[in-house]
Amino acid sequence: MINYYMAEQFAKDRLEEARAVAAQARLVATARPVPESLRVALGLALIRIGRSLAGHSAKGARSPRRATA
Protein backbone atom coordinates (compact mmCIF):
# COMPACT_ATOMS: atom_id res chain seq x y z
CA MET A 1 0.00 0.00 0.00
CA ILE A 2 1.30 3.47 -0.92
CA ASN A 3 1.75 6.03 1.82
CA TYR A 4 0.48 9.16 0.09
CA TYR A 5 1.95 11.50 2.68
CA MET A 6 5.45 10.05 2.09
CA ALA A 7 5.00 10.23 -1.69
CA GLU A 8 3.90 13.87 -1.42
CA GLN A 9 6.89 14.77 0.77
CA PHE A 10 9.23 12.97 -1.60
CA ALA A 11 7.79 14.87 -4.57
CA LYS A 12 8.09 18.20 -2.74
CA ASP A 13 11.71 17.48 -1.83
CA ARG A 14 12.57 16.54 -5.41
CA LEU A 15 10.84 19.63 -6.78
CA GLU A 16 12.66 21.87 -4.30
CA GLU A 17 15.97 20.29 -5.25
CA ALA A 18 15.25 20.71 -8.96
CA ARG A 19 14.39 24.38 -8.45
CA ALA A 20 17.63 24.94 -6.55
CA VAL A 21 19.65 23.30 -9.32
CA ALA A 22 17.84 25.38 -11.95
CA ALA A 23 18.51 28.59 -10.02
CA GLN A 24 22.19 27.71 -9.76
CA ALA A 25 22.33 26.92 -13.49
CA ARG A 26 20.79 30.32 -14.26
CA LEU A 27 23.43 32.05 -12.15
CA VAL A 28 26.22 30.19 -13.91
CA ALA A 29 24.75 31.02 -17.32
CA THR A 30 24.51 34.73 -16.55
CA ALA A 31 27.98 35.01 -15.02
CA ARG A 32 30.54 36.70 -17.20
CA PRO A 33 33.75 34.81 -17.89
CA VAL A 34 36.75 36.20 -16.07
CA PRO A 35 39.05 37.89 -18.58
CA GLU A 36 42.63 36.72 -18.79
CA SER A 37 45.13 38.81 -16.96
CA LEU A 38 47.54 40.92 -18.97
CA ARG A 39 50.42 38.68 -17.90
CA VAL A 40 48.71 35.53 -19.21
CA ALA A 41 47.65 37.17 -22.48
CA LEU A 42 51.15 38.57 -23.07
CA GLY A 43 52.78 35.24 -22.26
CA LEU A 44 50.55 33.33 -24.68
CA ALA A 45 51.16 35.91 -27.39
CA LEU A 46 54.94 35.61 -26.93
CA ILE A 47 54.72 31.82 -27.12
CA ARG A 48 52.73 32.04 -30.37
CA ILE A 49 55.23 34.52 -31.85
CA GLY A 50 58.16 32.33 -30.83
CA ARG A 51 56.60 29.25 -32.38
CA SER A 52 55.86 31.04 -35.63
CA LEU A 53 59.39 32.44 -35.82
CA ALA A 54 60.93 29.03 -35.09
CA GLY A 55 59.01 27.46 -37.95
CA HIS A 56 58.76 23.76 -38.70
CA SER A 57 62.40 22.92 -37.96
CA ALA A 58 61.97 23.57 -34.26
CA LYS A 59 59.16 21.02 -33.98
CA GLY A 60 61.32 18.14 -35.17
CA ALA A 61 64.41 19.20 -33.25
CA ARG A 62 63.06 18.10 -29.88
CA SER A 63 65.43 15.57 -28.47
CA PRO A 64 65.67 14.29 -24.94
CA ARG A 65 67.86 16.50 -22.83
CA ARG A 66 69.86 15.57 -19.82
CA ALA A 67 69.08 17.21 -16.56
CA THR A 68 71.88 19.44 -15.35
CA ALA A 69 71.99 19.82 -11.65
C-alpha atoms as a PDB file:
ATOM      1  CA  MET A   1       0.000   0.000   0.000  1.00  0.00           C
ATOM      2  CA  ILE A   2       1.295   3.471  -0.922  1.00  0.00           C
ATOM      3  CA  ASN A   3       1.752   6.027   1.820  1.00  0.00           C
ATOM      4  CA  TYR A   4       0.482   9.155   0.092  1.00  0.00           C
ATOM      5  CA  TYR A   5       1.955  11.496   2.676  1.00  0.00           C
ATOM      6  CA  MET A   6       5.448  10.051   2.091  1.00  0.00           C
ATOM      7  CA  ALA A   7       5.001  10.234  -1.686  1.00  0.00           C
ATOM      8  CA  GLU A   8       3.900  13.867  -1.418  1.00  0.00           C
ATOM      9  CA  GLN A   9       6.892  14.767   0.772  1.00  0.00           C
ATOM     10  CA  PHE A  10       9.234  12.968  -1.603  1.00  0.00           C
ATOM     11  CA  ALA A  11       7.787  14.865  -4.571  1.00  0.00           C
ATOM     12  CA  LYS A  12       8.090  18.196  -2.735  1.00  0.00           C
ATOM     13  CA  ASP A  13      11.713  17.478  -1.835  1.00  0.00           C
ATOM     14  CA  ARG A  14      12.570  16.540  -5.406  1.00  0.00           C
ATOM     15  CA  LEU A  15      10.836  19.633  -6.777  1.00  0.00           C
ATOM     16  CA  GLU A  16      12.658  21.874  -4.298  1.00  0.00           C
ATOM     17  CA  GLU A  17      15.968  20.293  -5.248  1.00  0.00           C
ATOM     18  CA  ALA A  18      15.246  20.707  -8.964  1.00  0.00           C
ATOM     19  CA  ARG A  19      14.385  24.377  -8.453  1.00  0.00           C
ATOM     20  CA  ALA A  20      17.626  24.940  -6.548  1.00  0.00           C
ATOM     21  CA  VAL A  21      19.654  23.300  -9.321  1.00  0.00           C
ATOM     22  CA  ALA A  22      17.840  25.381 -11.951  1.00  0.00           C
ATOM     23  CA  ALA A  23      18.515  28.589 -10.018  1.00  0.00           C
ATOM     24  CA  GLN A  24      22.189  27.712  -9.760  1.00  0.00           C
ATOM     25  CA  ALA A  25      22.330  26.922 -13.491  1.00  0.00           C
ATOM     26  CA  ARG A  26      20.785  30.322 -14.264  1.00  0.00           C
ATOM     27  CA  LEU A  27      23.427  32.052 -12.148  1.00  0.00           C
ATOM     28  CA  VAL A  28      26.218  30.193 -13.914  1.00  0.00           C
ATOM     29  CA  ALA A  29      24.753  31.022 -17.322  1.00  0.00           C
ATOM     30  CA  THR A  30      24.512  34.730 -16.548  1.00  0.00           C
ATOM     31  CA  ALA A  31      27.981  35.009 -15.022  1.00  0.00           C
ATOM     32  CA  ARG A  32      30.541  36.696 -17.202  1.00  0.00           C
ATOM     33  CA  PRO A  33      33.749  34.812 -17.889  1.00  0.00           C
ATOM     34  CA  VAL A  34      36.753  36.200 -16.070  1.00  0.00           C
ATOM     35  CA  PRO A  35      39.050  37.889 -18.584  1.00  0.00           C
ATOM     36  CA  GLU A  36      42.627  36.720 -18.793  1.00  0.00           C
ATOM     37  CA  SER A  37      45.134  38.811 -16.957  1.00  0.00           C
ATOM     38  CA  LEU A  38      47.540  40.919 -18.974  1.00  0.00           C
ATOM     39  CA  ARG A  39      50.419  38.685 -17.896  1.00  0.00           C
ATOM     40  CA  VAL A  40      48.714  35.534 -19.212  1.00  0.00           C
ATOM     41  CA  ALA A  41      47.654  37.168 -22.483  1.00  0.00           C
ATOM     42  CA  LEU A  42      51.150  38.568 -23.065  1.00  0.00           C
ATOM     43  CA  GLY A  43      52.784  35.235 -22.259  1.00  0.00           C
ATOM     44  CA  LEU A  44      50.547  33.333 -24.675  1.00  0.00           C
ATOM     45  CA  ALA A  45      51.162  35.908 -27.394  1.00  0.00           C
ATOM     46  CA  LEU A  46      54.935  35.612 -26.925  1.00  0.00           C
ATOM     47  CA  ILE A  47      54.719  31.821 -27.123  1.00  0.00           C
ATOM     48  CA  ARG A  48      52.729  32.037 -30.373  1.00  0.00           C
ATOM     49  CA  ILE A  49      55.235  34.523 -31.846  1.00  0.00           C
ATOM     50  CA  GLY A  50      58.159  32.335 -30.835  1.00  0.00           C
ATOM     51  CA  ARG A  51      56.601  29.248 -32.376  1.00  0.00           C
ATOM     52  CA  SER A  52      55.856  31.039 -35.625  1.00  0.00           C
ATOM     53  CA  LEU A  53      59.389  32.445 -35.815  1.00  0.00           C
ATOM     54  CA  ALA A  54      60.929  29.034 -35.091  1.00  0.00           C
ATOM     55  CA  GLY A  55      59.014  27.455 -37.951  1.00  0.00           C
ATOM     56  CA  HIS A  56      58.758  23.762 -38.701  1.00  0.00           C
ATOM     57  CA  SER A  57      62.398  22.924 -37.962  1.00  0.00           C
ATOM     58  CA  ALA A  58      61.967  23.570 -34.261  1.00  0.00           C
ATOM     59  CA  LYS A  59      59.157  21.021 -33.979  1.00  0.00           C
ATOM     60  CA  GLY A  60      61.315  18.145 -35.174  1.00  0.00           C
ATOM     61  CA  ALA A  61      64.410  19.199 -33.246  1.00  0.00           C
ATOM     62  CA  ARG A  62      63.064  18.098 -29.878  1.00  0.00           C
ATOM     63  CA  SER A  63      65.435  15.567 -28.469  1.00  0.00           C
ATOM     64  CA  PRO A  64      65.667  14.290 -24.937  1.00  0.00           C
ATOM     65  CA  ARG A  65      67.864  16.504 -22.831  1.00  0.00           C
ATOM     66  CA  ARG A  66      69.859  15.569 -19.820  1.00  0.00           C
ATOM     67  CA  ALA A  67      69.077  17.214 -16.558  1.00  0.00           C
ATOM     68  CA  THR A  68      71.884  19.436 -15.351  1.00  0.00           C
ATOM     69  CA  ALA A  69      71.987  19.823 -11.649  1.00  0.00           C
END
